Amino acid sequence: MRSPARRLRRYLLTGLAVLTPLAITVVALRWLFLTLDAILAGPVEELLGRRVPGLGLLVLVGAVVTIGWLAHYAVGRQLIAWGNALLARFPLTAPIYRTTSQLVQAFMGDRRGVFVRTVLVEFPGTGCHALGWVTAEQNPVAERALGEPCVNVFFASTPNPTTGWLLVVPSRRTIPLDISIEDAVKLVISGGTLQPGGVGADGAPGLDLAALLRGPGR
């Protein structure tokens, strides 16, 4: 029989393991809500004369939906095109805006803009392979220098996929993967724990309570 102290310790650890993911999720959602609500909370408060929690977020969502609606019509597309051209023309805003636009197209666009396909490449050394995305199927400058077809491959860092390395790789050294760009991004962000299909590395979609209660070595 286990002593009361050991049972209490086990119950405490189990409770922490169950509640920690929930607490982190709640904190993350609360931070996201407060951050988005604060974007327009000031102007809304000045207009109404009082603070209404959540109203800034509602106005923001409404503005985003309105812009999306306008983008489906000729007048809206023209206005957005003018705004894009203006932001892309200034030296300070152009690099940030263009990079952000390409990333948004990569993850949300119908043609997945920047990322063409997912591949494996031997990197950073022999016997190791890294998951990357082909960003260009040709690199004429490198092909002339190396004398063979080459592709541009972007390797994202974990857990922040917006930074990483760009390598020029001979086409013959790339291994195509039958995985969507979205699933590959999830795999990178999670450090390899979230496998394609939205399940964990052990095949479980979430917290495995049965395994947790069994304890280690069982």
N, C-alpha and C. Protein backbone atom coordinates (compact mmCIF):
# COMPACT_ATOMS: atom_id res chain seq x y z
N MET A 1 0.85 -1.20 0.00
CA MET A 1 0.00 0.00 0.00
C MET A 1 0.88 1.24 0.00
N ARG A 2 0.46 2.21 -0.78
CA ARG A 2 1.22 3.44 -0.82
C ARG A 2 0.85 4.31 0.37
N SER A 3 1.84 5.03 0.87
CA SER A 3 1.60 5.92 1.99
C SER A 3 0.73 7.09 1.55
N PRO A 4 0.00 7.71 2.49
CA PRO A 4 -0.82 8.88 2.12
C PRO A 4 -0.02 10.00 1.47
N ALA A 5 1.22 10.18 1.93
CA ALA A 5 2.05 11.25 1.35
C ALA A 5 2.35 10.99 -0.11
N ARG A 6 2.65 9.71 -0.46
CA ARG A 6 2.96 9.38 -1.84
C ARG A 6 1.71 9.51 -2.72
N ARG A 7 0.57 9.08 -2.18
CA ARG A 7 -0.67 9.21 -2.95
C ARG A 7 -1.00 10.69 -3.19
N LEU A 8 -0.82 11.50 -2.16
CA LEU A 8 -1.09 12.93 -2.29
C LEU A 8 -0.18 13.56 -3.34
N ARG A 9 1.09 13.17 -3.30
CA ARG A 9 2.03 13.71 -4.27
C ARG A 9 1.64 13.29 -5.69
N ARG A 10 1.22 12.04 -5.84
CA ARG A 10 0.82 11.57 -7.17
C ARG A 10 -0.43 12.28 -7.66
N TYR A 11 -1.41 12.49 -6.76
CA TYR A 11 -2.62 13.19 -7.15
C TYR A 11 -2.30 14.64 -7.53
N LEU A 12 -1.36 15.26 -6.78
CA LEU A 12 -0.98 16.63 -7.08
C LEU A 12 -0.34 16.74 -8.46
N LEU A 13 0.59 15.83 -8.75
CA LEU A 13 1.26 15.86 -10.06
C LEU A 13 0.28 15.58 -11.19
N THR A 14 -0.64 14.63 -10.96
CA THR A 14 -1.63 14.33 -11.98
C THR A 14 -2.54 15.53 -12.23
N GLY A 15 -2.96 16.18 -11.14
CA GLY A 15 -3.79 17.37 -11.30
C GLY A 15 -3.08 18.47 -12.05
N LEU A 16 -1.79 18.67 -11.76
CA LEU A 16 -1.02 19.69 -12.48
C LEU A 16 -0.91 19.34 -13.95
N ALA A 17 -0.68 18.06 -14.24
CA ALA A 17 -0.54 17.64 -15.64
C ALA A 17 -1.84 17.83 -16.41
N VAL A 18 -2.97 17.63 -15.73
CA VAL A 18 -4.27 17.80 -16.39
C VAL A 18 -4.60 19.28 -16.57
N LEU A 19 -4.33 20.10 -15.56
CA LEU A 19 -4.74 21.49 -15.58
C LEU A 19 -3.78 22.42 -16.32
N THR A 20 -2.49 22.06 -16.39
CA THR A 20 -1.51 22.95 -17.02
C THR A 20 -1.83 23.26 -18.48
N PRO A 21 -2.12 22.26 -19.33
CA PRO A 21 -2.48 22.61 -20.72
C PRO A 21 -3.71 23.49 -20.79
N LEU A 22 -4.71 23.20 -19.92
CA LEU A 22 -5.92 24.03 -19.91
C LEU A 22 -5.60 25.45 -19.49
N ALA A 23 -4.79 25.60 -18.45
CA ALA A 23 -4.44 26.94 -17.97
C ALA A 23 -3.67 27.72 -19.02
N ILE A 24 -2.73 27.07 -19.69
CA ILE A 24 -1.95 27.75 -20.73
C ILE A 24 -2.85 28.17 -21.87
N THR A 25 -3.81 27.32 -22.24
CA THR A 25 -4.74 27.66 -23.30
C THR A 25 -5.59 28.87 -22.93
N VAL A 26 -6.09 28.88 -21.69
CA VAL A 26 -6.90 30.00 -21.22
C VAL A 26 -6.09 31.30 -21.20
N VAL A 27 -4.87 31.23 -20.69
CA VAL A 27 -4.01 32.41 -20.63
C VAL A 27 -3.70 32.93 -22.03
N ALA A 28 -3.41 32.01 -22.96
CA ALA A 28 -3.11 32.42 -24.33
C ALA A 28 -4.31 33.08 -24.99
N LEU A 29 -5.51 32.50 -24.80
CA LEU A 29 -6.71 33.08 -25.37
C LEU A 29 -7.02 34.44 -24.75
N ARG A 30 -6.80 34.55 -23.43
CA ARG A 30 -7.04 35.83 -22.76
C ARG A 30 -6.08 36.90 -23.28
N TRP A 31 -4.80 36.52 -23.44
CA TRP A 31 -3.83 37.47 -23.98
C TRP A 31 -4.20 37.89 -25.39
N LEU A 32 -4.63 36.92 -26.22
CA LEU A 32 -5.02 37.23 -27.59
C LEU A 32 -6.23 38.15 -27.60
N PHE A 33 -7.21 37.87 -26.74
CA PHE A 33 -8.41 38.71 -26.67
C PHE A 33 -8.05 40.14 -26.27
N LEU A 34 -7.25 40.28 -25.19
CA LEU A 34 -6.89 41.62 -24.72
C LEU A 34 -6.06 42.37 -25.75
N THR A 35 -5.15 41.67 -26.42
CA THR A 35 -4.30 42.31 -27.42
C THR A 35 -5.12 42.83 -28.60
N LEU A 36 -6.01 41.98 -29.12
CA LEU A 36 -6.82 42.40 -30.26
C LEU A 36 -7.84 43.46 -29.86
N ASP A 37 -8.39 43.31 -28.66
CA ASP A 37 -9.38 44.30 -28.20
C ASP A 37 -8.74 45.66 -28.01
N ALA A 38 -7.47 45.69 -27.60
CA ALA A 38 -6.79 46.96 -27.32
C ALA A 38 -6.46 47.75 -28.59
N ILE A 39 -6.48 47.09 -29.75
CA ILE A 39 -6.12 47.80 -30.98
C ILE A 39 -7.07 48.96 -31.26
N LEU A 40 -8.37 48.72 -31.08
CA LEU A 40 -9.37 49.77 -31.34
C LEU A 40 -10.12 50.19 -30.08
N ALA A 41 -9.69 49.70 -28.93
CA ALA A 41 -10.39 50.04 -27.69
C ALA A 41 -10.32 51.54 -27.40
N GLY A 42 -9.17 52.17 -27.66
CA GLY A 42 -9.01 53.60 -27.40
C GLY A 42 -9.97 54.46 -28.21
N PRO A 43 -9.97 54.33 -29.55
CA PRO A 43 -10.91 55.13 -30.34
C PRO A 43 -12.37 54.88 -30.00
N VAL A 44 -12.71 53.59 -29.73
CA VAL A 44 -14.09 53.26 -29.38
C VAL A 44 -14.47 53.91 -28.04
N GLU A 45 -13.55 53.90 -27.09
CA GLU A 45 -13.82 54.50 -25.78
C GLU A 45 -14.00 56.01 -25.90
N GLU A 46 -13.18 56.65 -26.73
CA GLU A 46 -13.33 58.09 -26.93
C GLU A 46 -14.66 58.43 -27.59
N LEU A 47 -15.10 57.56 -28.50
CA LEU A 47 -16.34 57.81 -29.21
C LEU A 47 -17.55 57.64 -28.29
N LEU A 48 -17.54 56.60 -27.46
CA LEU A 48 -18.68 56.31 -26.59
C LEU A 48 -18.59 57.01 -25.24
N GLY A 49 -17.39 57.39 -24.86
CA GLY A 49 -17.22 58.03 -23.56
C GLY A 49 -17.07 57.07 -22.41
N ARG A 50 -17.02 55.80 -22.68
CA ARG A 50 -16.81 54.80 -21.62
C ARG A 50 -16.21 53.53 -22.22
N ARG A 51 -15.64 52.74 -21.35
CA ARG A 51 -14.95 51.51 -21.75
C ARG A 51 -15.94 50.35 -21.80
N VAL A 52 -15.97 49.65 -22.93
CA VAL A 52 -16.82 48.46 -23.08
C VAL A 52 -15.91 47.30 -23.48
N PRO A 53 -15.56 46.42 -22.53
CA PRO A 53 -14.66 45.30 -22.86
C PRO A 53 -15.22 44.44 -23.99
N GLY A 54 -14.37 44.16 -24.96
CA GLY A 54 -14.75 43.31 -26.08
C GLY A 54 -15.28 44.06 -27.27
N LEU A 55 -15.72 45.31 -27.07
CA LEU A 55 -16.27 46.07 -28.19
C LEU A 55 -15.19 46.42 -29.22
N GLY A 56 -13.99 46.68 -28.74
CA GLY A 56 -12.90 46.95 -29.67
C GLY A 56 -12.62 45.77 -30.57
N LEU A 57 -12.69 44.56 -30.01
CA LEU A 57 -12.48 43.35 -30.80
C LEU A 57 -13.59 43.18 -31.83
N LEU A 58 -14.84 43.45 -31.42
CA LEU A 58 -15.96 43.34 -32.35
C LEU A 58 -15.81 44.32 -33.51
N VAL A 59 -15.39 45.55 -33.18
CA VAL A 59 -15.19 46.55 -34.24
C VAL A 59 -14.05 46.12 -35.16
N LEU A 60 -12.99 45.55 -34.59
CA LEU A 60 -11.87 45.09 -35.40
C LEU A 60 -12.30 43.98 -36.34
N VAL A 61 -13.04 43.01 -35.81
CA VAL A 61 -13.53 41.91 -36.66
C VAL A 61 -14.44 42.46 -37.76
N GLY A 62 -15.29 43.40 -37.39
CA GLY A 62 -16.16 44.01 -38.39
C GLY A 62 -15.37 44.71 -39.48
N ALA A 63 -14.30 45.42 -39.09
CA ALA A 63 -13.47 46.11 -40.07
C ALA A 63 -12.77 45.13 -41.00
N VAL A 64 -12.28 44.03 -40.44
CA VAL A 64 -11.60 43.02 -41.26
C VAL A 64 -12.58 42.39 -42.25
N VAL A 65 -13.79 42.08 -41.77
CA VAL A 65 -14.81 41.50 -42.66
C VAL A 65 -15.19 42.49 -43.75
N THR A 66 -15.31 43.77 -43.39
CA THR A 66 -15.65 44.80 -44.38
C THR A 66 -14.58 44.92 -45.45
N ILE A 67 -13.32 44.91 -45.03
CA ILE A 67 -12.22 44.99 -46.00
C ILE A 67 -12.22 43.77 -46.90
N GLY A 68 -12.47 42.60 -46.30
CA GLY A 68 -12.56 41.39 -47.11
C GLY A 68 -13.70 41.45 -48.11
N TRP A 69 -14.82 42.03 -47.69
CA TRP A 69 -15.97 42.19 -48.59
C TRP A 69 -15.64 43.14 -49.73
N LEU A 70 -15.00 44.27 -49.38
CA LEU A 70 -14.63 45.23 -50.41
C LEU A 70 -13.63 44.66 -51.41
N ALA A 71 -12.75 43.77 -50.93
CA ALA A 71 -11.72 43.19 -51.80
C ALA A 71 -12.31 42.33 -52.91
N HIS A 72 -13.58 41.94 -52.76
CA HIS A 72 -14.23 41.12 -53.78
C HIS A 72 -14.85 41.96 -54.89
N TYR A 73 -14.78 43.29 -54.75
CA TYR A 73 -15.37 44.17 -55.75
C TYR A 73 -14.29 45.06 -56.37
N ALA A 74 -14.56 45.54 -57.56
CA ALA A 74 -13.55 46.26 -58.33
C ALA A 74 -13.06 47.50 -57.59
N VAL A 75 -13.99 48.28 -57.03
CA VAL A 75 -13.59 49.51 -56.34
C VAL A 75 -12.71 49.19 -55.14
N GLY A 76 -13.12 48.19 -54.36
CA GLY A 76 -12.33 47.80 -53.20
C GLY A 76 -10.95 47.29 -53.60
N ARG A 77 -10.89 46.49 -54.65
CA ARG A 77 -9.59 45.97 -55.11
C ARG A 77 -8.68 47.11 -55.55
N GLN A 78 -9.26 48.14 -56.20
CA GLN A 78 -8.45 49.26 -56.65
C GLN A 78 -7.90 50.04 -55.47
N LEU A 79 -8.75 50.26 -54.45
CA LEU A 79 -8.29 50.99 -53.27
C LEU A 79 -7.18 50.21 -52.54
N ILE A 80 -7.36 48.90 -52.42
CA ILE A 80 -6.34 48.07 -51.76
C ILE A 80 -5.06 48.07 -52.57
N ALA A 81 -5.18 48.03 -53.90
CA ALA A 81 -3.99 48.05 -54.76
C ALA A 81 -3.23 49.37 -54.58
N TRP A 82 -3.95 50.48 -54.47
CA TRP A 82 -3.29 51.77 -54.23
C TRP A 82 -2.57 51.76 -52.88
N GLY A 83 -3.23 51.23 -51.87
CA GLY A 83 -2.59 51.15 -50.55
C GLY A 83 -1.35 50.26 -50.57
N ASN A 84 -1.45 49.14 -51.26
CA ASN A 84 -0.30 48.24 -51.38
C ASN A 84 0.87 48.93 -52.06
N ALA A 85 0.57 49.62 -53.15
CA ALA A 85 1.63 50.31 -53.89
C ALA A 85 2.27 51.39 -53.04
N LEU A 86 1.46 52.08 -52.23
CA LEU A 86 1.99 53.14 -51.38
C LEU A 86 2.93 52.57 -50.32
N LEU A 87 2.53 51.48 -49.66
CA LEU A 87 3.36 50.87 -48.63
C LEU A 87 4.63 50.25 -49.22
N ALA A 88 4.51 49.73 -50.43
CA ALA A 88 5.67 49.07 -51.05
C ALA A 88 6.65 50.06 -51.64
N ARG A 89 6.28 51.34 -51.68
CA ARG A 89 7.15 52.35 -52.30
C ARG A 89 8.11 52.99 -51.32
N PHE A 90 7.71 53.09 -50.05
CA PHE A 90 8.55 53.77 -49.06
C PHE A 90 9.66 52.83 -48.57
N PRO A 91 10.89 53.34 -48.44
CA PRO A 91 12.02 52.48 -48.03
C PRO A 91 11.83 51.81 -46.67
N LEU A 92 11.21 52.52 -45.72
CA LEU A 92 11.07 51.96 -44.38
C LEU A 92 10.01 50.87 -44.32
N THR A 93 8.92 51.05 -45.06
CA THR A 93 7.82 50.09 -44.99
C THR A 93 7.92 48.97 -46.02
N ALA A 94 8.63 49.21 -47.12
CA ALA A 94 8.65 48.24 -48.21
C ALA A 94 9.17 46.86 -47.80
N PRO A 95 10.36 46.76 -47.14
CA PRO A 95 10.84 45.42 -46.79
C PRO A 95 9.90 44.66 -45.84
N ILE A 96 9.37 45.38 -44.84
CA ILE A 96 8.48 44.73 -43.88
C ILE A 96 7.18 44.30 -44.56
N TYR A 97 6.62 45.20 -45.36
CA TYR A 97 5.33 44.90 -45.98
C TYR A 97 5.45 43.77 -47.00
N ARG A 98 6.50 43.79 -47.82
CA ARG A 98 6.66 42.75 -48.83
C ARG A 98 6.89 41.38 -48.18
N THR A 99 7.74 41.35 -47.15
CA THR A 99 7.99 40.08 -46.47
C THR A 99 6.73 39.54 -45.82
N THR A 100 5.99 40.42 -45.14
CA THR A 100 4.75 40.00 -44.50
C THR A 100 3.74 39.51 -45.53
N SER A 101 3.63 40.22 -46.65
CA SER A 101 2.70 39.81 -47.70
C SER A 101 3.05 38.44 -48.25
N GLN A 102 4.33 38.18 -48.43
CA GLN A 102 4.75 36.88 -48.95
C GLN A 102 4.45 35.76 -47.95
N LEU A 103 4.67 36.04 -46.66
CA LEU A 103 4.36 35.02 -45.64
C LEU A 103 2.86 34.74 -45.58
N VAL A 104 2.06 35.80 -45.66
CA VAL A 104 0.60 35.59 -45.65
C VAL A 104 0.17 34.78 -46.86
N GLN A 105 0.72 35.08 -48.02
CA GLN A 105 0.40 34.32 -49.21
C GLN A 105 0.84 32.88 -49.09
N ALA A 106 1.98 32.66 -48.42
CA ALA A 106 2.49 31.30 -48.27
C ALA A 106 1.56 30.44 -47.45
N PHE A 107 0.96 31.02 -46.38
CA PHE A 107 0.14 30.23 -45.48
C PHE A 107 -1.34 30.29 -45.79
N MET A 108 -1.80 31.35 -46.50
CA MET A 108 -3.23 31.53 -46.69
C MET A 108 -3.66 31.60 -48.14
N GLY A 109 -2.75 31.88 -49.04
CA GLY A 109 -3.12 32.04 -50.44
C GLY A 109 -3.54 30.74 -51.09
N ASP A 110 -4.34 30.85 -52.16
CA ASP A 110 -4.82 29.66 -52.86
C ASP A 110 -3.67 28.90 -53.50
N ARG A 111 -2.63 29.62 -53.93
CA ARG A 111 -1.49 28.97 -54.58
C ARG A 111 -0.31 28.79 -53.62
N ARG A 112 -0.56 29.14 -52.33
CA ARG A 112 0.48 29.03 -51.32
C ARG A 112 1.71 29.83 -51.72
N GLY A 113 1.49 30.96 -52.45
CA GLY A 113 2.47 31.94 -52.84
C GLY A 113 3.92 31.55 -52.80
N VAL A 114 4.56 31.69 -51.65
CA VAL A 114 6.00 31.54 -51.56
C VAL A 114 6.41 30.06 -51.54
N PHE A 115 5.76 29.27 -50.71
CA PHE A 115 6.15 27.87 -50.55
C PHE A 115 5.49 27.01 -51.63
N VAL A 116 6.32 26.34 -52.42
CA VAL A 116 5.82 25.53 -53.53
C VAL A 116 5.50 24.11 -53.08
N ARG A 117 6.43 23.47 -52.37
CA ARG A 117 6.24 22.11 -51.90
C ARG A 117 7.18 21.83 -50.75
N THR A 118 6.93 20.72 -50.06
CA THR A 118 7.72 20.34 -48.89
C THR A 118 8.71 19.25 -49.28
N VAL A 119 9.95 19.38 -48.82
CA VAL A 119 10.98 18.40 -49.15
C VAL A 119 11.84 18.10 -47.93
N LEU A 120 12.59 17.02 -48.02
CA LEU A 120 13.64 16.70 -47.06
C LEU A 120 14.99 16.91 -47.75
N VAL A 121 15.92 17.49 -47.01
CA VAL A 121 17.26 17.72 -47.54
C VAL A 121 18.26 17.34 -46.46
N GLU A 122 19.36 16.73 -46.86
CA GLU A 122 20.41 16.37 -45.91
C GLU A 122 21.05 17.65 -45.38
N PHE A 123 20.72 17.98 -44.14
CA PHE A 123 21.14 19.25 -43.54
C PHE A 123 20.94 19.15 -42.03
N PRO A 124 21.87 19.62 -41.21
CA PRO A 124 23.07 20.40 -41.53
C PRO A 124 24.32 19.56 -41.79
N GLY A 125 24.22 18.24 -41.66
CA GLY A 125 25.38 17.39 -41.90
C GLY A 125 24.97 16.05 -42.46
N THR A 126 25.96 15.22 -42.75
CA THR A 126 25.71 13.91 -43.33
C THR A 126 24.93 13.04 -42.35
N GLY A 127 23.89 12.39 -42.88
CA GLY A 127 23.08 11.50 -42.06
C GLY A 127 21.91 12.17 -41.37
N CYS A 128 21.88 13.52 -41.40
CA CYS A 128 20.77 14.26 -40.81
C CYS A 128 19.94 14.89 -41.92
N HIS A 129 18.63 14.91 -41.74
CA HIS A 129 17.75 15.51 -42.74
C HIS A 129 16.87 16.57 -42.09
N ALA A 130 16.67 17.65 -42.80
CA ALA A 130 15.82 18.74 -42.32
C ALA A 130 14.64 18.91 -43.26
N LEU A 131 13.53 19.30 -42.67
CA LEU A 131 12.32 19.55 -43.45
C LEU A 131 12.32 20.99 -43.92
N GLY A 132 12.09 21.20 -45.19
CA GLY A 132 12.10 22.55 -45.74
C GLY A 132 11.07 22.70 -46.83
N TRP A 133 10.97 23.94 -47.33
CA TRP A 133 10.01 24.24 -48.39
C TRP A 133 10.73 24.82 -49.60
N VAL A 134 10.42 24.28 -50.75
CA VAL A 134 10.96 24.84 -51.99
C VAL A 134 10.27 26.16 -52.27
N THR A 135 11.06 27.22 -52.42
CA THR A 135 10.51 28.54 -52.71
C THR A 135 10.69 28.93 -54.17
N ALA A 136 11.56 28.22 -54.88
CA ALA A 136 11.76 28.46 -56.32
C ALA A 136 12.29 27.18 -56.95
N GLU A 137 11.67 26.77 -58.04
CA GLU A 137 12.07 25.53 -58.69
C GLU A 137 13.33 25.68 -59.53
N GLN A 138 13.78 26.91 -59.73
CA GLN A 138 14.99 27.16 -60.51
C GLN A 138 15.80 28.27 -59.87
N ASN A 139 17.12 28.19 -60.06
CA ASN A 139 18.03 29.25 -59.64
C ASN A 139 19.11 29.35 -60.72
N PRO A 140 18.84 30.14 -61.76
CA PRO A 140 19.75 30.19 -62.91
C PRO A 140 21.19 30.52 -62.56
N VAL A 141 21.39 31.44 -61.62
CA VAL A 141 22.76 31.83 -61.26
C VAL A 141 23.51 30.64 -60.66
N ALA A 142 22.89 29.96 -59.70
CA ALA A 142 23.53 28.80 -59.08
C ALA A 142 23.69 27.64 -60.07
N GLU A 143 22.72 27.48 -60.95
CA GLU A 143 22.80 26.39 -61.93
C GLU A 143 23.96 26.57 -62.89
N ARG A 144 24.22 27.83 -63.27
CA ARG A 144 25.37 28.08 -64.14
C ARG A 144 26.68 27.81 -63.40
N ALA A 145 26.70 28.13 -62.11
CA ALA A 145 27.93 27.93 -61.34
C ALA A 145 28.17 26.44 -61.02
N LEU A 146 27.09 25.70 -60.73
CA LEU A 146 27.24 24.30 -60.33
C LEU A 146 27.09 23.33 -61.49
N GLY A 147 26.51 23.78 -62.58
CA GLY A 147 26.36 22.91 -63.74
C GLY A 147 25.26 21.87 -63.60
N GLU A 148 24.27 22.10 -62.76
CA GLU A 148 23.15 21.18 -62.60
C GLU A 148 21.93 21.93 -62.08
N PRO A 149 20.73 21.37 -62.27
CA PRO A 149 19.50 22.05 -61.80
C PRO A 149 19.51 22.23 -60.29
N CYS A 150 19.06 23.38 -59.83
CA CYS A 150 19.03 23.70 -58.40
C CYS A 150 17.68 24.29 -58.02
N VAL A 151 17.35 24.18 -56.75
CA VAL A 151 16.14 24.79 -56.22
C VAL A 151 16.50 25.57 -54.98
N ASN A 152 15.70 26.57 -54.66
CA ASN A 152 15.84 27.31 -53.41
C ASN A 152 14.98 26.65 -52.35
N VAL A 153 15.56 26.36 -51.19
CA VAL A 153 14.84 25.69 -50.11
C VAL A 153 14.96 26.53 -48.84
N PHE A 154 13.82 26.81 -48.22
CA PHE A 154 13.79 27.55 -46.97
C PHE A 154 13.60 26.57 -45.82
N PHE A 155 14.51 26.64 -44.84
CA PHE A 155 14.42 25.81 -43.63
C PHE A 155 14.02 26.71 -42.47
N ALA A 156 12.86 26.44 -41.90
CA ALA A 156 12.36 27.28 -40.82
C ALA A 156 12.94 26.83 -39.49
N SER A 157 13.08 27.79 -38.58
CA SER A 157 13.55 27.47 -37.22
C SER A 157 12.34 27.09 -36.36
N THR A 158 12.63 26.42 -35.26
CA THR A 158 11.58 25.99 -34.32
C THR A 158 11.75 26.76 -33.01
N PRO A 159 10.68 27.28 -32.42
CA PRO A 159 9.27 27.17 -32.83
C PRO A 159 8.78 28.33 -33.68
N ASN A 160 9.66 29.22 -34.11
CA ASN A 160 9.26 30.39 -34.89
C ASN A 160 9.57 30.16 -36.36
N PRO A 161 8.57 29.81 -37.17
CA PRO A 161 8.84 29.45 -38.57
C PRO A 161 9.09 30.64 -39.47
N THR A 162 8.99 31.87 -38.95
CA THR A 162 9.23 33.04 -39.79
C THR A 162 10.72 33.37 -39.91
N THR A 163 11.57 32.66 -39.17
CA THR A 163 13.02 32.82 -39.32
C THR A 163 13.61 31.46 -39.68
N GLY A 164 14.80 31.50 -40.28
CA GLY A 164 15.42 30.23 -40.66
C GLY A 164 16.57 30.47 -41.61
N TRP A 165 16.77 29.53 -42.53
CA TRP A 165 17.89 29.57 -43.46
C TRP A 165 17.39 29.32 -44.87
N LEU A 166 18.03 30.00 -45.82
CA LEU A 166 17.74 29.76 -47.24
C LEU A 166 18.96 29.08 -47.86
N LEU A 167 18.76 27.89 -48.42
CA LEU A 167 19.84 27.15 -49.06
C LEU A 167 19.52 26.91 -50.52
N VAL A 168 20.54 26.98 -51.35
CA VAL A 168 20.43 26.58 -52.75
C VAL A 168 20.88 25.12 -52.83
N VAL A 169 19.98 24.25 -53.23
CA VAL A 169 20.23 22.81 -53.17
C VAL A 169 20.06 22.19 -54.56
N PRO A 170 20.99 21.34 -55.00
CA PRO A 170 20.77 20.61 -56.25
C PRO A 170 19.48 19.80 -56.19
N SER A 171 18.71 19.83 -57.25
CA SER A 171 17.41 19.16 -57.27
C SER A 171 17.52 17.69 -56.90
N ARG A 172 18.61 17.04 -57.31
CA ARG A 172 18.75 15.61 -57.05
C ARG A 172 18.93 15.29 -55.56
N ARG A 173 19.25 16.29 -54.76
CA ARG A 173 19.47 16.07 -53.33
C ARG A 173 18.22 16.34 -52.50
N THR A 174 17.13 16.70 -53.15
CA THR A 174 15.88 16.92 -52.42
C THR A 174 15.02 15.67 -52.47
N ILE A 175 14.34 15.37 -51.37
CA ILE A 175 13.45 14.21 -51.28
C ILE A 175 12.03 14.74 -51.11
N PRO A 176 11.15 14.57 -52.09
CA PRO A 176 9.78 15.08 -51.96
C PRO A 176 9.04 14.39 -50.82
N LEU A 177 8.21 15.14 -50.13
CA LEU A 177 7.39 14.60 -49.05
C LEU A 177 5.91 14.75 -49.39
N ASP A 178 5.15 13.70 -49.11
CA ASP A 178 3.71 13.73 -49.33
C ASP A 178 3.03 14.31 -48.10
N ILE A 179 3.20 15.62 -47.91
CA ILE A 179 2.67 16.32 -46.75
C ILE A 179 2.32 17.74 -47.16
N SER A 180 1.20 18.24 -46.68
CA SER A 180 0.80 19.60 -47.03
C SER A 180 1.70 20.62 -46.34
N ILE A 181 1.72 21.82 -46.88
CA ILE A 181 2.51 22.89 -46.29
C ILE A 181 2.02 23.20 -44.88
N GLU A 182 0.68 23.21 -44.68
CA GLU A 182 0.13 23.49 -43.37
C GLU A 182 0.58 22.47 -42.33
N ASP A 183 0.53 21.17 -42.69
CA ASP A 183 0.95 20.13 -41.76
C ASP A 183 2.45 20.23 -41.47
N ALA A 184 3.22 20.59 -42.48
CA ALA A 184 4.66 20.74 -42.28
C ALA A 184 4.96 21.89 -41.33
N VAL A 185 4.20 22.99 -41.46
CA VAL A 185 4.39 24.13 -40.56
C VAL A 185 4.06 23.72 -39.13
N LYS A 186 2.95 22.98 -38.93
CA LYS A 186 2.59 22.52 -37.60
C LYS A 186 3.69 21.63 -37.02
N LEU A 187 4.27 20.79 -37.86
CA LEU A 187 5.33 19.89 -37.41
C LEU A 187 6.54 20.68 -36.93
N VAL A 188 6.88 21.75 -37.65
CA VAL A 188 8.04 22.56 -37.28
C VAL A 188 7.76 23.36 -36.02
N ILE A 189 6.58 23.99 -35.95
CA ILE A 189 6.25 24.83 -34.80
C ILE A 189 6.22 24.01 -33.52
N SER A 190 5.70 22.78 -33.60
CA SER A 190 5.58 21.94 -32.40
C SER A 190 6.87 21.21 -32.05
N GLY A 191 7.92 21.44 -32.81
CA GLY A 191 9.18 20.75 -32.54
C GLY A 191 9.12 19.27 -32.85
N GLY A 192 8.21 18.88 -33.75
CA GLY A 192 8.11 17.48 -34.15
C GLY A 192 7.12 16.67 -33.35
N THR A 193 6.47 17.28 -32.35
CA THR A 193 5.53 16.52 -31.51
C THR A 193 4.16 16.39 -32.14
N LEU A 194 3.79 17.34 -33.02
CA LEU A 194 2.48 17.29 -33.66
C LEU A 194 2.65 16.75 -35.07
N GLN A 195 2.21 15.51 -35.27
CA GLN A 195 2.38 14.85 -36.55
C GLN A 195 1.28 15.27 -37.52
N PRO A 196 1.49 15.01 -38.84
CA PRO A 196 0.46 15.34 -39.83
C PRO A 196 -0.87 14.71 -39.45
N GLY A 197 -1.95 15.47 -39.61
CA GLY A 197 -3.26 14.99 -39.23
C GLY A 197 -3.72 15.54 -37.90
N GLY A 198 -2.84 16.33 -37.22
CA GLY A 198 -3.23 16.98 -35.98
C GLY A 198 -3.13 16.10 -34.76
N VAL A 199 -2.34 15.01 -34.81
CA VAL A 199 -2.19 14.15 -33.65
C VAL A 199 -0.79 14.28 -33.10
N GLY A 200 -0.60 13.84 -31.86
CA GLY A 200 0.70 13.90 -31.24
C GLY A 200 1.63 12.86 -31.81
N ALA A 201 2.89 12.91 -31.36
CA ALA A 201 3.87 11.97 -31.87
C ALA A 201 3.52 10.53 -31.54
N ASP A 202 2.72 10.30 -30.48
CA ASP A 202 2.32 8.95 -30.11
C ASP A 202 0.99 8.57 -30.73
N GLY A 203 0.45 9.44 -31.61
CA GLY A 203 -0.80 9.15 -32.28
C GLY A 203 -2.02 9.65 -31.54
N ALA A 204 -1.86 10.20 -30.35
CA ALA A 204 -3.00 10.67 -29.57
C ALA A 204 -3.33 12.10 -29.93
N PRO A 205 -4.63 12.47 -30.05
CA PRO A 205 -4.98 13.84 -30.42
C PRO A 205 -4.79 14.84 -29.32
N GLY A 206 -4.64 14.42 -28.08
CA GLY A 206 -4.49 15.36 -26.98
C GLY A 206 -3.89 14.67 -25.78
N LEU A 207 -4.32 15.09 -24.57
CA LEU A 207 -3.77 14.54 -23.34
C LEU A 207 -4.20 13.09 -23.16
N ASP A 208 -3.24 12.19 -23.00
CA ASP A 208 -3.53 10.78 -22.78
C ASP A 208 -3.65 10.55 -21.28
N LEU A 209 -4.88 10.68 -20.76
CA LEU A 209 -5.10 10.60 -19.32
C LEU A 209 -4.82 9.19 -18.81
N ALA A 210 -5.17 8.18 -19.59
CA ALA A 210 -4.95 6.80 -19.15
C ALA A 210 -3.48 6.52 -18.94
N ALA A 211 -2.65 6.98 -19.88
CA ALA A 211 -1.20 6.77 -19.74
C ALA A 211 -0.66 7.58 -18.57
N LEU A 212 -1.23 8.76 -18.36
CA LEU A 212 -0.79 9.61 -17.25
C LEU A 212 -1.07 8.94 -15.91
N LEU A 213 -2.25 8.35 -15.77
CA LEU A 213 -2.61 7.70 -14.51
C LEU A 213 -1.84 6.42 -14.26
N ARG A 214 -1.42 5.77 -15.35
CA ARG A 214 -0.62 4.55 -15.17
C ARG A 214 0.73 4.87 -14.60
N GLY A 215 1.24 6.05 -14.95
CA GLY A 215 2.54 6.47 -14.42
C GLY A 215 3.67 5.92 -15.27
N PRO A 216 4.90 6.34 -15.01
CA PRO A 216 6.05 5.92 -15.77
C PRO A 216 6.36 4.45 -15.54
N GLY A 217 6.82 3.81 -16.65
CA GLY A 217 7.25 2.42 -16.53
C GLY A 217 6.15 1.42 -16.48
N ARG A 218 4.88 1.82 -16.79
CA ARG A 218 3.75 0.91 -16.74
C ARG A 218 3.12 0.80 -18.10
